C-alpha atoms as a PDB file:
ATOM      1  CA  MET A   1      48.453 -14.204 -67.267  1.00  0.00           C
ATOM      2  CA  ALA A   2      44.707 -13.632 -67.310  1.00  0.00           C
ATOM      3  CA  SER A   3      44.262 -16.734 -65.168  1.00  0.00           C
ATOM      4  CA  ILE A   4      46.728 -15.396 -62.586  1.00  0.00           C
ATOM      5  CA  ASN A   5      44.922 -12.031 -62.433  1.00  0.00           C
ATOM      6  CA  HIS A   6      41.618 -13.827 -62.064  1.00  0.00           C
ATOM      7  CA  HIS A   7      42.913 -15.799 -59.065  1.00  0.00           C
ATOM      8  CA  LEU A   8      44.403 -12.665 -57.483  1.00  0.00           C
ATOM      9  CA  LEU A   9      41.056 -10.875 -57.757  1.00  0.00           C
ATOM     10  CA  LEU A  10      39.249 -13.827 -56.106  1.00  0.00           C
ATOM     11  CA  ALA A  11      41.797 -13.899 -53.265  1.00  0.00           C
ATOM     12  CA  ALA A  12      41.427 -10.146 -52.673  1.00  0.00           C
ATOM     13  CA  ALA A  13      37.632 -10.423 -52.596  1.00  0.00           C
ATOM     14  CA  ALA A  14      37.808 -13.270 -50.099  1.00  0.00           C
ATOM     15  CA  ALA A  15      40.134 -11.252 -47.833  1.00  0.00           C
ATOM     16  CA  VAL A  16      37.723  -8.291 -47.856  1.00  0.00           C
ATOM     17  CA  LEU A  17      34.795 -10.550 -46.910  1.00  0.00           C
ATOM     18  CA  LEU A  18      36.774 -12.117 -44.044  1.00  0.00           C
ATOM     19  CA  LEU A  19      37.749  -8.691 -42.667  1.00  0.00           C
ATOM     20  CA  ALA A  20      34.141  -7.511 -42.836  1.00  0.00           C
ATOM     21  CA  ALA A  21      32.904 -10.616 -41.013  1.00  0.00           C
ATOM     22  CA  ALA A  22      35.533 -10.170 -38.289  1.00  0.00           C
ATOM     23  CA  ALA A  23      34.567  -6.526 -37.787  1.00  0.00           C
ATOM     24  CA  THR A  24      30.891  -7.452 -37.483  1.00  0.00           C
ATOM     25  CA  ALA A  25      31.637 -10.150 -34.899  1.00  0.00           C
ATOM     26  CA  THR A  26      33.765  -7.734 -32.854  1.00  0.00           C
ATOM     27  CA  ALA A  27      31.012  -5.086 -32.839  1.00  0.00           C
ATOM     28  CA  SER A  28      28.457  -7.677 -31.704  1.00  0.00           C
ATOM     29  CA  ARG A  29      30.646  -8.734 -28.799  1.00  0.00           C
ATOM     30  CA  VAL A  30      31.100  -5.132 -27.648  1.00  0.00           C
ATOM     31  CA  THR A  31      27.345  -4.556 -27.663  1.00  0.00           C
ATOM     32  CA  VAL A  32      26.592  -7.683 -25.649  1.00  0.00           C
ATOM     33  CA  THR A  33      29.414  -6.969 -23.198  1.00  0.00           C
ATOM     34  CA  SER A  34      28.258  -3.399 -22.610  1.00  0.00           C
ATOM     35  CA  LEU A  35      24.703  -4.593 -21.870  1.00  0.00           C
ATOM     36  CA  ALA A  36      25.938  -7.337 -19.570  1.00  0.00           C
ATOM     37  CA  ASN A  37      27.869  -4.751 -17.564  1.00  0.00           C
ATOM     38  CA  THR A  38      24.999  -2.272 -17.421  1.00  0.00           C
ATOM     39  CA  THR A  39      24.738  -0.673 -13.967  1.00  0.00           C
ATOM     40  CA  SER A  40      21.559   0.451 -12.247  1.00  0.00           C
ATOM     41  CA  SER A  41      22.361   4.023 -13.254  1.00  0.00           C
ATOM     42  CA  SER A  42      22.566   3.096 -16.909  1.00  0.00           C
ATOM     43  CA  VAL A  43      19.341   1.100 -16.581  1.00  0.00           C
ATOM     44  CA  ALA A  44      17.661   4.311 -15.476  1.00  0.00           C
ATOM     45  CA  ALA A  45      19.257   6.085 -18.425  1.00  0.00           C
ATOM     46  CA  LEU A  46      17.984   3.411 -20.782  1.00  0.00           C
ATOM     47  CA  GLY A  47      14.489   4.008 -19.424  1.00  0.00           C
ATOM     48  CA  SER A  48      14.622   7.790 -19.788  1.00  0.00           C
ATOM     49  CA  SER A  49      12.454   7.600 -22.877  1.00  0.00           C
ATOM     50  CA  GLY A  50      10.200   4.850 -21.554  1.00  0.00           C
ATOM     51  CA  ILE A  51       8.740   3.277 -18.447  1.00  0.00           C
ATOM     52  CA  ILE A  52      10.760   1.644 -15.700  1.00  0.00           C
ATOM     53  CA  ALA A  53       8.579  -1.182 -14.397  1.00  0.00           C
ATOM     54  CA  GLY A  54       9.534  -2.881 -11.172  1.00  0.00           C
ATOM     55  CA  GLY A  55      12.989  -1.362 -11.496  1.00  0.00           C
ATOM     56  CA  ARG A  56      13.493  -2.548 -15.085  1.00  0.00           C
ATOM     57  CA  ALA A  57      13.639  -0.304 -18.139  1.00  0.00           C
ATOM     58  CA  ALA A  58      10.892  -1.603 -20.418  1.00  0.00           C
ATOM     59  CA  ASN A  59      12.882  -0.795 -23.555  1.00  0.00           C
ATOM     60  CA  ALA A  60      16.195  -2.217 -22.273  1.00  0.00           C
ATOM     61  CA  SER A  61      17.667  -5.401 -23.682  1.00  0.00           C
ATOM     62  CA  ALA A  62      16.742  -8.753 -22.108  1.00  0.00           C
ATOM     63  CA  ASN A  63      20.477  -9.213 -21.471  1.00  0.00           C
ATOM     64  CA  THR A  64      20.310  -6.627 -18.634  1.00  0.00           C
ATOM     65  CA  THR A  65      20.957  -8.486 -15.382  1.00  0.00           C
ATOM     66  CA  ALA A  66      18.226  -8.649 -12.739  1.00  0.00           C
ATOM     67  CA  ALA A  67      20.750  -7.643 -10.065  1.00  0.00           C
ATOM     68  CA  ALA A  68      21.022  -4.215 -11.689  1.00  0.00           C
ATOM     69  CA  GLU A  69      17.345  -3.437 -11.155  1.00  0.00           C
ATOM     70  CA  PRO A  70      16.795  -0.861  -8.367  1.00  0.00           C
ATOM     71  CA  THR A  71      14.065  -1.496  -5.832  1.00  0.00           C
ATOM     72  CA  VAL A  72      11.479   1.161  -5.074  1.00  0.00           C
ATOM     73  CA  TYR A  73      13.399   1.987  -1.885  1.00  0.00           C
ATOM     74  CA  GLU A  74      16.614   2.463  -3.868  1.00  0.00           C
ATOM     75  CA  MET A  75      14.738   4.676  -6.323  1.00  0.00           C
ATOM     76  CA  LEU A  76      13.599   6.856  -3.413  1.00  0.00           C
ATOM     77  CA  GLY A  77      17.258   7.318  -2.483  1.00  0.00           C
ATOM     78  CA  LYS A  78      18.114   8.347  -6.048  1.00  0.00           C
ATOM     79  CA  TYR A  79      15.562  11.155  -5.705  1.00  0.00           C
ATOM     80  CA  GLY A  80      16.874  12.251  -2.301  1.00  0.00           C
ATOM     81  CA  PHE A  81      14.287  10.570  -0.036  1.00  0.00           C
ATOM     82  CA  PRO A  82      14.931   8.147   2.827  1.00  0.00           C
ATOM     83  CA  PRO A  83      13.408   4.659   2.358  1.00  0.00           C
ATOM     84  CA  GLY A  84      11.282   4.918   5.499  1.00  0.00           C
ATOM     85  CA  ILE A  85       8.675   7.171   3.916  1.00  0.00           C
ATOM     86  CA  LEU A  86       7.333   3.897   2.467  1.00  0.00           C
ATOM     87  CA  PRO A  87       6.332   0.927   4.630  1.00  0.00           C
ATOM     88  CA  ALA A  88       8.135  -2.374   4.261  1.00  0.00           C
ATOM     89  CA  GLY A  89       6.810  -4.962   1.844  1.00  0.00           C
ATOM     90  CA  ALA A  90       6.208  -2.948  -1.344  1.00  0.00           C
ATOM     91  CA  GLN A  91       5.467  -5.436  -4.139  1.00  0.00           C
ATOM     92  CA  GLY A  92       6.467  -3.327  -7.121  1.00  0.00           C
ATOM     93  CA  TYR A  93       6.344   0.007  -8.864  1.00  0.00           C
ATOM     94  CA  THR A  94       6.255   1.752 -12.206  1.00  0.00           C
ATOM     95  CA  LEU A  95       8.023   5.017 -12.964  1.00  0.00           C
ATOM     96  CA  ASP A  96       7.838   7.207 -16.056  1.00  0.00           C
ATOM     97  CA  ALA A  97      11.336   8.664 -16.105  1.00  0.00           C
ATOM     98  CA  GLY A  98      10.124  11.362 -18.476  1.00  0.00           C
ATOM     99  CA  ASP A  99       7.520  13.147 -16.344  1.00  0.00           C
ATOM    100  CA  GLY A 100       8.218  11.461 -12.982  1.00  0.00           C
ATOM    101  CA  SER A 101       4.752   9.936 -12.615  1.00  0.00           C
ATOM    102  CA  PHE A 102       4.762   6.748 -10.561  1.00  0.00           C
ATOM    103  CA  GLN A 103       2.668   4.024  -8.987  1.00  0.00           C
ATOM    104  CA  VAL A 104       3.722   1.932  -5.975  1.00  0.00           C
ATOM    105  CA  THR A 105       1.892  -1.295  -5.121  1.00  0.00           C
ATOM    106  CA  LEU A 106       1.552  -2.683  -1.575  1.00  0.00           C
ATOM    107  CA  PRO A 107      -0.023  -6.035  -0.634  1.00  0.00           C
ATOM    108  CA  GLY A 108      -2.970  -4.200   0.935  1.00  0.00           C
ATOM    109  CA  ASP A 109      -3.983  -1.187   2.998  1.00  0.00           C
ATOM    110  CA  CYS A 110      -1.452  -0.441   5.712  1.00  0.00           C
ATOM    111  CA  VAL A 111      -1.282   1.637   8.904  1.00  0.00           C
ATOM    112  CA  VAL A 112       2.062   2.571  10.485  1.00  0.00           C
ATOM    113  CA  ASP A 113       3.211   4.741  13.383  1.00  0.00           C
ATOM    114  CA  VAL A 114       6.029   7.082  12.365  1.00  0.00           C
ATOM    115  CA  GLN A 115       7.541   9.940  14.358  1.00  0.00           C
ATOM    116  CA  GLY A 116       4.501  10.008  16.643  1.00  0.00           C
ATOM    117  CA  TYR A 117       2.022  10.124  13.749  1.00  0.00           C
ATOM    118  CA  LYS A 118      -0.329   7.468  12.417  1.00  0.00           C
ATOM    119  CA  LEU A 119      -0.050   7.135   8.631  1.00  0.00           C
ATOM    120  CA  ARG A 120      -2.340   5.117   6.388  1.00  0.00           C
ATOM    121  CA  TYR A 121      -1.229   3.806   2.984  1.00  0.00           C
ATOM    122  CA  ARG A 122      -3.602   2.448   0.361  1.00  0.00           C
ATOM    123  CA  SER A 123      -2.607  -0.603  -1.652  1.00  0.00           C
ATOM    124  CA  ASN A 124      -1.932   1.628  -4.689  1.00  0.00           C
ATOM    125  CA  ILE A 125      -0.086   4.929  -4.290  1.00  0.00           C
ATOM    126  CA  TYR A 126       0.276   7.465  -7.094  1.00  0.00           C
ATOM    127  CA  GLY A 127       2.136  10.725  -7.577  1.00  0.00           C
ATOM    128  CA  ASN A 128       4.915  12.585  -9.366  1.00  0.00           C
ATOM    129  CA  VAL A 129       8.530  12.565  -8.200  1.00  0.00           C
ATOM    130  CA  ARG A 130      11.573  14.641  -8.933  1.00  0.00           C
ATOM    131  CA  ALA A 131      14.732  15.418  -6.956  1.00  0.00           C
ATOM    132  CA  GLY A 132      13.673  16.291  -3.398  1.00  0.00           C
ATOM    133  CA  SER A 133       9.955  16.597  -4.181  1.00  0.00           C
ATOM    134  CA  ILE A 134       6.865  14.411  -4.489  1.00  0.00           C
ATOM    135  CA  ASP A 135       3.629  16.121  -5.508  1.00  0.00           C
ATOM    136  CA  GLY A 136       0.165  15.062  -6.599  1.00  0.00           C
ATOM    137  CA  LEU A 137       0.377  12.278  -4.010  1.00  0.00           C
ATOM    138  CA  ASP A 138      -2.683  10.036  -3.777  1.00  0.00           C
ATOM    139  CA  GLY A 139      -3.149   7.101  -1.393  1.00  0.00           C
ATOM    140  CA  VAL A 140      -1.381   8.339   1.760  1.00  0.00           C
ATOM    141  CA  SER A 141      -3.103  10.033   4.697  1.00  0.00           C
ATOM    142  CA  VAL A 142      -2.261  11.093   8.247  1.00  0.00           C
ATOM    143  CA  LYS A 143      -4.579  11.005  11.233  1.00  0.00           C
ATOM    144  CA  ILE A 144      -5.111  14.432  12.793  1.00  0.00           C
ATOM    145  CA  ALA A 145      -7.325  14.295  15.888  1.00  0.00           C
ATOM    146  CA  ILE A 146     -10.165  12.004  14.711  1.00  0.00           C
ATOM    147  CA  VAL A 147      -9.914  12.783  10.989  1.00  0.00           C
ATOM    148  CA  TRP A 148      -7.787  11.200   8.256  1.00  0.00           C
ATOM    149  CA  VAL A 149      -6.282  13.948   6.066  1.00  0.00           C
ATOM    150  CA  GLY A 150      -4.653  13.198   2.713  1.00  0.00           C
ATOM    151  CA  ILE A 151      -0.945  13.970   2.314  1.00  0.00           C
ATOM    152  CA  HIS A 152      -0.545  15.618  -1.090  1.00  0.00           C
ATOM    153  CA  ASP A 153       3.125  16.715  -1.122  1.00  0.00           C
ATOM    154  CA  VAL A 154       6.393  15.524   0.437  1.00  0.00           C
ATOM    155  CA  GLU A 155       9.704  17.390   0.345  1.00  0.00           C
ATOM    156  CA  ALA A 156      13.242  16.408   1.349  1.00  0.00           C
ATOM    157  CA  ASP A 157      15.563  19.317   2.074  1.00  0.00           C
ATOM    158  CA  GLY A 158      18.402  20.060   4.460  1.00  0.00           C
ATOM    159  CA  GLY A 159      18.172  16.812   6.415  1.00  0.00           C
ATOM    160  CA  ASP A 160      14.415  17.129   6.994  1.00  0.00           C
ATOM    161  CA  VAL A 161      11.371  15.540   5.411  1.00  0.00           C
ATOM    162  CA  THR A 162       8.279  17.763   5.213  1.00  0.00           C
ATOM    163  CA  PHE A 163       4.761  16.401   4.749  1.00  0.00           C
ATOM    164  CA  HIS A 164       1.960  18.651   3.497  1.00  0.00           C
ATOM    165  CA  ALA A 165      -1.613  17.666   4.367  1.00  0.00           C
ATOM    166  CA  GLY A 166      -4.160  20.306   3.457  1.00  0.00           C
ATOM    167  CA  ALA A 167      -3.090  23.564   5.091  1.00  0.00           C
ATOM    168  CA  ILE A 168      -0.901  21.706   7.608  1.00  0.00           C
ATOM    169  CA  SER A 169       2.822  21.082   7.115  1.00  0.00           C
ATOM    170  CA  LYS A 170       5.035  19.041   9.416  1.00  0.00           C
ATOM    171  CA  SER A 171       8.825  18.585   9.209  1.00  0.00           C
ATOM    172  CA  SER A 172      10.724  15.705  10.800  1.00  0.00           C
ATOM    173  CA  PRO A 173      14.418  14.724  10.691  1.00  0.00           C
ATOM    174  CA  ALA A 174      15.194  12.431   7.769  1.00  0.00           C
ATOM    175  CA  ASP A 175      17.219  10.255  10.169  1.00  0.00           C
ATOM    176  CA  GLY A 176      13.913   9.032  11.592  1.00  0.00           C
ATOM    177  CA  PHE A 177      12.964   7.526   8.218  1.00  0.00           C
ATOM    178  CA  GLN A 178      16.051   5.436   7.501  1.00  0.00           C
ATOM    179  CA  THR A 179      14.193   2.176   8.114  1.00  0.00           C
ATOM    180  CA  SER A 180      10.879   1.294   6.469  1.00  0.00           C
ATOM    181  CA  PRO A 181       8.252   0.621   9.153  1.00  0.00           C
ATOM    182  CA  SER A 182       6.263  -2.597   9.240  1.00  0.00           C
ATOM    183  CA  CYS A 183       2.505  -2.404   8.869  1.00  0.00           C
ATOM    184  CA  HIS A 184       0.829  -3.312  12.131  1.00  0.00           C
ATOM    185  CA  ASN A 185      -2.399  -3.744  10.174  1.00  0.00           C
ATOM    186  CA  ASN A 186      -1.633  -4.972   6.679  1.00  0.00           C
ATOM    187  CA  TYR A 187      -4.426  -6.851   4.941  1.00  0.00           C
ATOM    188  CA  TYR A 188      -4.964  -8.498   1.602  1.00  0.00           C
ATOM    189  CA  LEU A 189      -8.456  -7.617   0.493  1.00  0.00           C
ATOM    190  CA  ASP A 190      -8.232  -9.545  -2.771  1.00  0.00           C
ATOM    191  CA  TYR A 191      -7.449 -12.653  -0.753  1.00  0.00           C
ATOM    192  CA  PHE A 192     -10.474 -12.027   1.452  1.00  0.00           C
ATOM    193  CA  LYS A 193     -12.730 -11.705  -1.572  1.00  0.00           C
ATOM    194  CA  SER A 194     -11.393 -14.881  -3.125  1.00  0.00           C
ATOM    195  CA  ASN A 195     -12.336 -16.735   0.055  1.00  0.00           C
ATOM    196  CA  THR A 196     -15.811 -15.247   0.488  1.00  0.00           C
ATOM    197  CA  ALA A 197     -17.365 -16.376  -2.823  1.00  0.00           C
ATOM    198  CA  ASP A 198     -20.270 -13.926  -3.219  1.00  0.00           C
ATOM    199  CA  ASN A 199     -18.808 -11.708  -0.447  1.00  0.00           C
ATOM    200  CA  SER A 200     -21.251 -12.982   2.153  1.00  0.00           C
ATOM    201  CA  THR A 201     -20.937 -15.525   4.896  1.00  0.00           C
ATOM    202  CA  SER A 202     -22.445 -16.521   8.233  1.00  0.00           C
ATOM    203  CA  PRO A 203     -21.314 -18.417  11.325  1.00  0.00           C
ATOM    204  CA  SER A 204     -22.757 -21.604   9.770  1.00  0.00           C
ATOM    205  CA  SER A 205     -20.671 -21.254   6.588  1.00  0.00           C
ATOM    206  CA  PRO A 206     -17.836 -23.724   5.892  1.00  0.00           C
ATOM    207  CA  SER A 207     -14.697 -23.124   7.918  1.00  0.00           C
ATOM    208  CA  ALA A 208     -12.834 -22.017   4.751  1.00  0.00           C
ATOM    209  CA  ASP A 209     -14.902 -18.820   4.685  1.00  0.00           C
ATOM    210  CA  PRO A 210     -14.065 -16.141   7.262  1.00  0.00           C
ATOM    211  CA  THR A 211     -16.863 -15.094   9.594  1.00  0.00           C
ATOM    212  CA  ALA A 212     -17.635 -11.471  10.416  1.00  0.00           C
ATOM    213  CA  TYR A 213     -15.574 -11.932  13.580  1.00  0.00           C
ATOM    214  CA  ASP A 214     -12.631 -13.295  11.580  1.00  0.00           C
ATOM    215  CA  MET A 215     -12.825 -10.302   9.267  1.00  0.00           C
ATOM    216  CA  LEU A 216     -12.787  -7.887  12.203  1.00  0.00           C
ATOM    217  CA  GLN A 217      -9.540  -9.427  13.427  1.00  0.00           C
ATOM    218  CA  ARG A 218      -7.975  -9.248   9.990  1.00  0.00           C
ATOM    219  CA  PHE A 219      -8.650  -5.526   9.971  1.00  0.00           C
ATOM    220  CA  GLY A 220      -7.090  -5.199  13.429  1.00  0.00           C
ATOM    221  CA  PHE A 221     -10.214  -5.101  15.627  1.00  0.00           C
ATOM    222  CA  PRO A 222     -11.104  -7.338  18.584  1.00  0.00           C
ATOM    223  CA  VAL A 223     -14.159  -9.543  18.068  1.00  0.00           C
ATOM    224  CA  GLY A 224     -15.939  -7.975  21.054  1.00  0.00           C
ATOM    225  CA  ILE A 225     -16.974  -4.863  19.190  1.00  0.00           C
ATOM    226  CA  LEU A 226     -19.686  -7.080  17.690  1.00  0.00           C
ATOM    227  CA  PRO A 227     -22.239  -8.978  19.817  1.00  0.00           C
ATOM    228  CA  GLN A 228     -22.784 -12.710  19.531  1.00  0.00           C
ATOM    229  CA  GLY A 229     -25.217 -14.091  16.996  1.00  0.00           C
ATOM    230  CA  VAL A 230     -24.267 -12.288  13.799  1.00  0.00           C
ATOM    231  CA  GLN A 231     -26.338 -13.811  11.006  1.00  0.00           C
ATOM    232  CA  GLY A 232     -24.079 -12.775   8.135  1.00  0.00           C
ATOM    233  CA  TYR A 233     -22.245  -9.921   6.447  1.00  0.00           C
ATOM    234  CA  LYS A 234     -21.337  -8.463   3.062  1.00  0.00           C
ATOM    235  CA  LEU A 235     -18.069  -6.862   2.006  1.00  0.00           C
ATOM    236  CA  GLY A 236     -18.434  -4.573  -1.009  1.00  0.00           C
ATOM    237  CA  ASP A 237     -16.512  -4.865  -4.255  1.00  0.00           C
ATOM    238  CA  ASP A 238     -14.411  -1.878  -3.146  1.00  0.00           C
ATOM    239  CA  GLY A 239     -13.090  -3.985  -0.259  1.00  0.00           C
ATOM    240  CA  SER A 240     -14.138  -1.422   2.358  1.00  0.00           C
ATOM    241  CA  SER A 241     -17.917  -0.917   2.419  1.00  0.00           C
ATOM    242  CA  PHE A 242     -19.683  -3.501   4.576  1.00  0.00           C
ATOM    243  CA  GLU A 243     -22.999  -4.560   6.087  1.00  0.00           C
ATOM    244  CA  VAL A 244     -23.460  -6.805   9.135  1.00  0.00           C
ATOM    245  CA  TYR A 245     -26.776  -8.474   9.956  1.00  0.00           C
ATOM    246  CA  LEU A 246     -27.976  -9.367  13.458  1.00  0.00           C
ATOM    247  CA  ALA A 247     -31.041 -11.392  14.402  1.00  0.00           C
ATOM    248  CA  GLY A 248     -32.626  -8.211  15.781  1.00  0.00           C
ATOM    249  CA  ASP A 249     -31.853  -5.038  17.702  1.00  0.00           C
ATOM    250  CA  CYS A 250     -29.372  -5.654  20.509  1.00  0.00           C
ATOM    251  CA  GLU A 251     -28.122  -3.910  23.659  1.00  0.00           C
ATOM    252  CA  PHE A 252     -25.171  -4.765  25.873  1.00  0.00           C
ATOM    253  CA  ARG A 253     -22.713  -3.131  28.257  1.00  0.00           C
ATOM    254  CA  VAL A 254     -19.029  -2.579  27.412  1.00  0.00           C
ATOM    255  CA  ALA A 255     -16.226  -2.060  29.945  1.00  0.00           C
ATOM    256  CA  LYS A 256     -18.882  -1.980  32.697  1.00  0.00           C
ATOM    257  CA  LYS A 257     -19.816   1.616  31.901  1.00  0.00           C
ATOM    258  CA  TYR A 258     -20.964   2.044  28.284  1.00  0.00           C
ATOM    259  CA  VAL A 259     -24.330   0.752  27.097  1.00  0.00           C
ATOM    260  CA  LEU A 260     -24.345   0.156  23.346  1.00  0.00           C
ATOM    261  CA  HIS A 261     -27.334  -0.359  21.067  1.00  0.00           C
ATOM    262  CA  TYR A 262     -26.946  -2.224  17.753  1.00  0.00           C
ATOM    263  CA  SER A 263     -29.627  -2.171  15.081  1.00  0.00           C
ATOM    264  CA  SER A 264     -30.323  -5.367  13.166  1.00  0.00           C
ATOM    265  CA  ARG A 265     -28.329  -3.877  10.277  1.00  0.00           C
ATOM    266  CA  VAL A 266     -24.928  -2.241  10.850  1.00  0.00           C
ATOM    267  CA  ALA A 267     -23.041  -0.643   7.950  1.00  0.00           C
ATOM    268  CA  GLY A 268     -19.981   1.487   7.292  1.00  0.00           C
ATOM    269  CA  GLN A 269     -16.542   1.674   5.696  1.00  0.00           C
ATOM    270  CA  ILE A 270     -13.667  -0.431   7.049  1.00  0.00           C
ATOM    271  CA  ALA A 271      -9.912  -0.188   6.524  1.00  0.00           C
ATOM    272  CA  ALA A 272      -6.884  -1.276   8.509  1.00  0.00           C
ATOM    273  CA  GLY A 273      -7.543  -0.131  12.082  1.00  0.00           C
ATOM    274  CA  SER A 274     -10.383   2.204  11.119  1.00  0.00           C
ATOM    275  CA  ILE A 275     -14.181   2.051  10.725  1.00  0.00           C
ATOM    276  CA  THR A 276     -15.862   5.204   9.407  1.00  0.00           C
ATOM    277  CA  SER A 277     -19.355   6.309   8.304  1.00  0.00           C
ATOM    278  CA  LEU A 278     -20.743   3.848  10.830  1.00  0.00           C
ATOM    279  CA  GLU A 279     -24.514   3.341  10.872  1.00  0.00           C
ATOM    280  CA  GLY A 280     -26.651   1.379  13.308  1.00  0.00           C
ATOM    281  CA  VAL A 281     -24.588   1.686  16.508  1.00  0.00           C
ATOM    282  CA  LYS A 282     -25.399   4.048  19.396  1.00  0.00           C
ATOM    283  CA  VAL A 283     -24.121   4.658  22.912  1.00  0.00           C
ATOM    284  CA  LYS A 284     -26.297   5.779  25.815  1.00  0.00           C
ATOM    285  CA  GLU A 285     -25.286   9.038  27.482  1.00  0.00           C
ATOM    286  CA  ALA A 286     -27.519   9.956  30.448  1.00  0.00           C
ATOM    287  CA  PHE A 287     -31.023   9.629  28.935  1.00  0.00           C
ATOM    288  CA  THR A 288     -29.972  10.111  25.320  1.00  0.00           C
ATOM    289  CA  TRP A 289     -28.800   7.713  22.638  1.00  0.00           C
ATOM    290  CA  LEU A 290     -25.909   9.139  20.584  1.00  0.00           C
ATOM    291  CA  ARG A 291     -24.726   7.710  17.269  1.00  0.00           C
ATOM    292  CA  ILE A 292     -21.182   6.297  17.106  1.00  0.00           C
ATOM    293  CA  SER A 293     -19.789   7.464  13.768  1.00  0.00           C
ATOM    294  CA  GLU A 294     -16.254   6.073  13.833  1.00  0.00           C
ATOM    295  CA  VAL A 295     -14.215   3.389  15.595  1.00  0.00           C
ATOM    296  CA  ASP A 296     -10.395   3.326  15.578  1.00  0.00           C
ATOM    297  CA  VAL A 297      -7.627   1.090  16.823  1.00  0.00           C
ATOM    298  CA  ASP A 298      -5.097   3.151  18.776  1.00  0.00           C
ATOM    299  CA  GLY A 299      -2.349   0.912  20.101  1.00  0.00           C
ATOM    300  CA  ASP A 300      -3.906  -1.248  22.803  1.00  0.00           C
ATOM    301  CA  ASN A 301      -7.085   0.823  22.907  1.00  0.00           C
ATOM    302  CA  ILE A 302     -10.272   1.121  20.898  1.00  0.00           C
ATOM    303  CA  LYS A 303     -11.651   4.622  20.430  1.00  0.00           C
ATOM    304  CA  LEU A 304     -15.349   5.271  19.874  1.00  0.00           C
ATOM    305  CA  HIS A 305     -16.140   8.642  18.295  1.00  0.00           C
ATOM    306  CA  VAL A 306     -19.469  10.355  18.943  1.00  0.00           C
ATOM    307  CA  GLY A 307     -19.409  13.738  17.266  1.00  0.00           C
ATOM    308  CA  LEU A 308     -16.601  15.667  18.978  1.00  0.00           C
ATOM    309  CA  ILE A 309     -16.575  13.263  21.947  1.00  0.00           C
ATOM    310  CA  THR A 310     -14.225  10.266  22.092  1.00  0.00           C
ATOM    311  CA  ALA A 311     -14.569   7.319  24.471  1.00  0.00           C
ATOM    312  CA  THR A 312     -11.628   4.957  24.984  1.00  0.00           C
ATOM    313  CA  VAL A 313     -11.930   1.254  25.816  1.00  0.00           C
ATOM    314  CA  ALA A 314      -9.003  -1.110  26.407  1.00  0.00           C
ATOM    315  CA  ALA A 315      -8.858  -3.664  23.582  1.00  0.00           C
ATOM    316  CA  ASP A 316      -8.336  -6.519  26.047  1.00  0.00           C
ATOM    317  CA  GLN A 317     -11.837  -5.836  27.401  1.00  0.00           C
ATOM    318  CA  LEU A 318     -13.277  -6.641  23.973  1.00  0.00           C
ATOM    319  CA  THR A 319     -11.699 -10.024  23.311  1.00  0.00           C
ATOM    320  CA  VAL A 320     -15.033 -11.842  23.731  1.00  0.00           C
ATOM    321  CA  SER A 321     -18.264 -10.957  21.924  1.00  0.00           C
ATOM    322  CA  PRO A 322     -20.945  -9.969  24.459  1.00  0.00           C
ATOM    323  CA  GLN A 323     -24.444 -11.417  24.599  1.00  0.00           C
ATOM    324  CA  CYS A 324     -27.409  -9.194  23.796  1.00  0.00           C
ATOM    325  CA  ASN A 325     -29.555  -8.334  26.817  1.00  0.00           C
END
């Protein structure tokens, strides 16, 4: 009798262990299945206590499918913004779903024309986003007259998108931002640096290194804004400050009406379609030499800014570098 009871106890124990193992296996399958079916909304929920990087919740399981990851343009839509407030080609983003702080990465600086305005985007854009509002924006500016003014806030409300730049606010229909614009001057400064060794080159350098004239074209300028005979140039570590060296002072005529004077050293700040803080270039007005402080690309024209005066030259008149007189 004792032997029978002993066997019954062993059988009961084995049954309990089998039931426990089956329950554990079932629970594991439910967990895996629920992660495999995670939608983009639940990915965002998973990241609510962490960082969403490139559309992926950093603390989500590796079983989350890549197809569920929202792009930066889709994330804009989740916050009530049309995708066209960002140019095409964004490489990635990070978003803290807790406080709304974000960073968007572009391949390089970018200039676009939107709704009659010229906007400039830096390669890294920062700010804070919540439903219908972006504030603390850094890295986006709009050109007003001859000055670039930073856009610090963007709002989406009632079918309009409103941009705030300093004391100026401008509203435009959201329908005009349904498609992300392409950069007409989009450059990859890291690539330039990797091909310029010590960030200096000259016309006699190997063909793998871009010349000063090549660099002008990559930033959207025609080569003819520089005279022939450039000896070399330097592009700063910030990717925008530059120096160009000529054999000596140089004068030449542009568009048959403007006489320009270049010093042997020309310096300034360059970005896509824009040169600012220019030093070493002057234009002759009557009997006076006036300093050119800024040069911009405006469609098919090049604009030279001298104080409050702007002179316009057709870009096709600057396709060849002039000789110094």
